[in-house]
Amino acid sequence: MGEDWRLTGQEASLVGRPLRLARWVPYRPGWDHDHCEFCWAEISDDETSHADFSEAWVTADDNRTWVCPACFDDFRGRFGWTIVT
């Protein structure tokens, strides 16, 4: 069986990173959504009808890279993320 289709080289930037569970907020003014770094699910505030998630895991050191709950569960061990509360 082949490698998971969601793995596209994220190891280079996400191994060992601190993540925290958070409600989505725009990275900058005018930003209306982000995507899961793995499966590309849409993450946005709960006022939008097109978002898959309004809460997900985000890199705690820069608040820029989002990981949906399902991908977090699937890849937590492989990437060795540190959980920040």
Protein backbone atom coordinates (compact mmCIF):
# COMPACT_ATOMS: atom_id res chain seq x y z
CA MET A 1 0.00 0.00 0.00
CA GLY A 2 1.30 3.46 -0.90
CA GLU A 3 1.97 6.52 1.19
CA ASP A 4 -1.01 8.54 2.43
CA TRP A 5 -2.14 10.99 -0.28
CA ARG A 6 -2.18 13.82 2.27
CA LEU A 7 1.57 13.63 2.84
CA THR A 8 3.24 16.02 0.43
CA GLY A 9 6.47 16.99 2.16
CA GLN A 10 5.08 18.63 5.30
CA GLU A 11 7.83 16.95 7.34
CA ALA A 12 10.23 19.71 6.29
CA SER A 13 8.21 22.37 8.08
CA LEU A 14 6.00 20.65 10.66
CA VAL A 15 7.99 17.96 12.51
CA GLY A 16 8.19 18.78 16.22
CA ARG A 17 6.29 22.06 15.95
CA PRO A 18 4.12 23.31 18.83
CA LEU A 19 0.40 23.17 18.03
CA ARG A 20 -2.60 24.45 19.94
CA LEU A 21 -6.32 23.88 19.45
CA ALA A 22 -7.98 27.16 18.53
CA ARG A 23 -11.00 28.75 16.93
CA TRP A 24 -10.08 30.11 13.56
CA VAL A 25 -9.17 33.80 13.33
CA PRO A 26 -7.95 35.64 10.25
CA TYR A 27 -4.19 35.82 9.84
CA ARG A 28 -4.55 39.34 8.46
CA PRO A 29 -7.43 41.72 7.64
CA GLY A 30 -9.54 40.49 4.74
CA TRP A 31 -8.52 36.85 5.19
CA ASP A 32 -11.68 34.72 5.27
CA HIS A 33 -10.37 31.15 5.61
CA ASP A 34 -7.41 28.81 5.75
CA HIS A 35 -6.94 25.20 4.71
CA CYS A 36 -5.71 22.13 6.53
CA GLU A 37 -2.06 21.66 5.61
CA PHE A 38 -2.75 18.00 4.85
CA CYS A 39 -6.23 17.40 3.40
CA TRP A 40 -7.04 20.96 2.35
CA ALA A 41 -10.29 21.05 4.36
CA GLU A 42 -11.47 24.62 4.77
CA ILE A 43 -11.16 26.24 8.19
CA SER A 44 -13.00 29.50 8.85
CA ASP A 45 -15.23 31.20 11.38
CA ASP A 46 -18.59 29.65 12.11
CA GLU A 47 -20.46 32.36 10.21
CA THR A 48 -19.50 30.95 6.84
CA SER A 49 -21.49 28.13 5.34
CA HIS A 50 -18.64 26.72 3.26
CA ALA A 51 -16.15 25.94 6.05
CA ASP A 52 -15.51 22.36 7.14
CA PHE A 53 -14.19 23.46 10.55
CA SER A 54 -14.26 26.55 12.74
CA GLU A 55 -11.82 25.06 15.25
CA ALA A 56 -8.61 23.21 14.43
CA TRP A 57 -4.96 22.89 15.41
CA VAL A 58 -2.66 25.79 14.53
CA THR A 59 1.09 26.22 14.85
CA ALA A 60 1.47 27.97 18.19
CA ASP A 61 4.71 29.75 17.34
CA ASP A 62 3.34 31.69 14.36
CA ASN A 63 -0.44 31.01 14.12
CA ARG A 64 -0.16 30.41 10.38
CA THR A 65 -0.37 26.68 9.63
CA TRP A 66 -3.66 24.89 10.32
CA VAL A 67 -4.30 21.17 10.76
CA CYS A 68 -7.87 19.83 10.89
CA PRO A 69 -8.86 17.55 13.78
CA ALA A 70 -8.87 14.38 11.64
CA CYS A 71 -5.40 14.99 10.20
CA PHE A 72 -4.11 15.94 13.63
CA ASP A 73 -5.28 12.58 14.97
CA ASP A 74 -3.83 10.71 11.99
CA PHE A 75 -0.39 12.37 11.98
CA ARG A 76 0.25 13.38 15.60
CA GLY A 77 2.61 10.48 16.25
CA ARG A 78 4.44 10.73 12.95
CA PHE A 79 5.13 14.46 13.32
CA GLY A 80 5.82 14.52 17.07
CA TRP A 81 3.93 17.74 17.69
CA THR A 82 4.18 19.46 21.05
CA ILE A 83 0.75 20.40 22.38
CA VAL A 84 0.46 23.90 23.83
CA THR A 85 -2.51 24.90 25.98
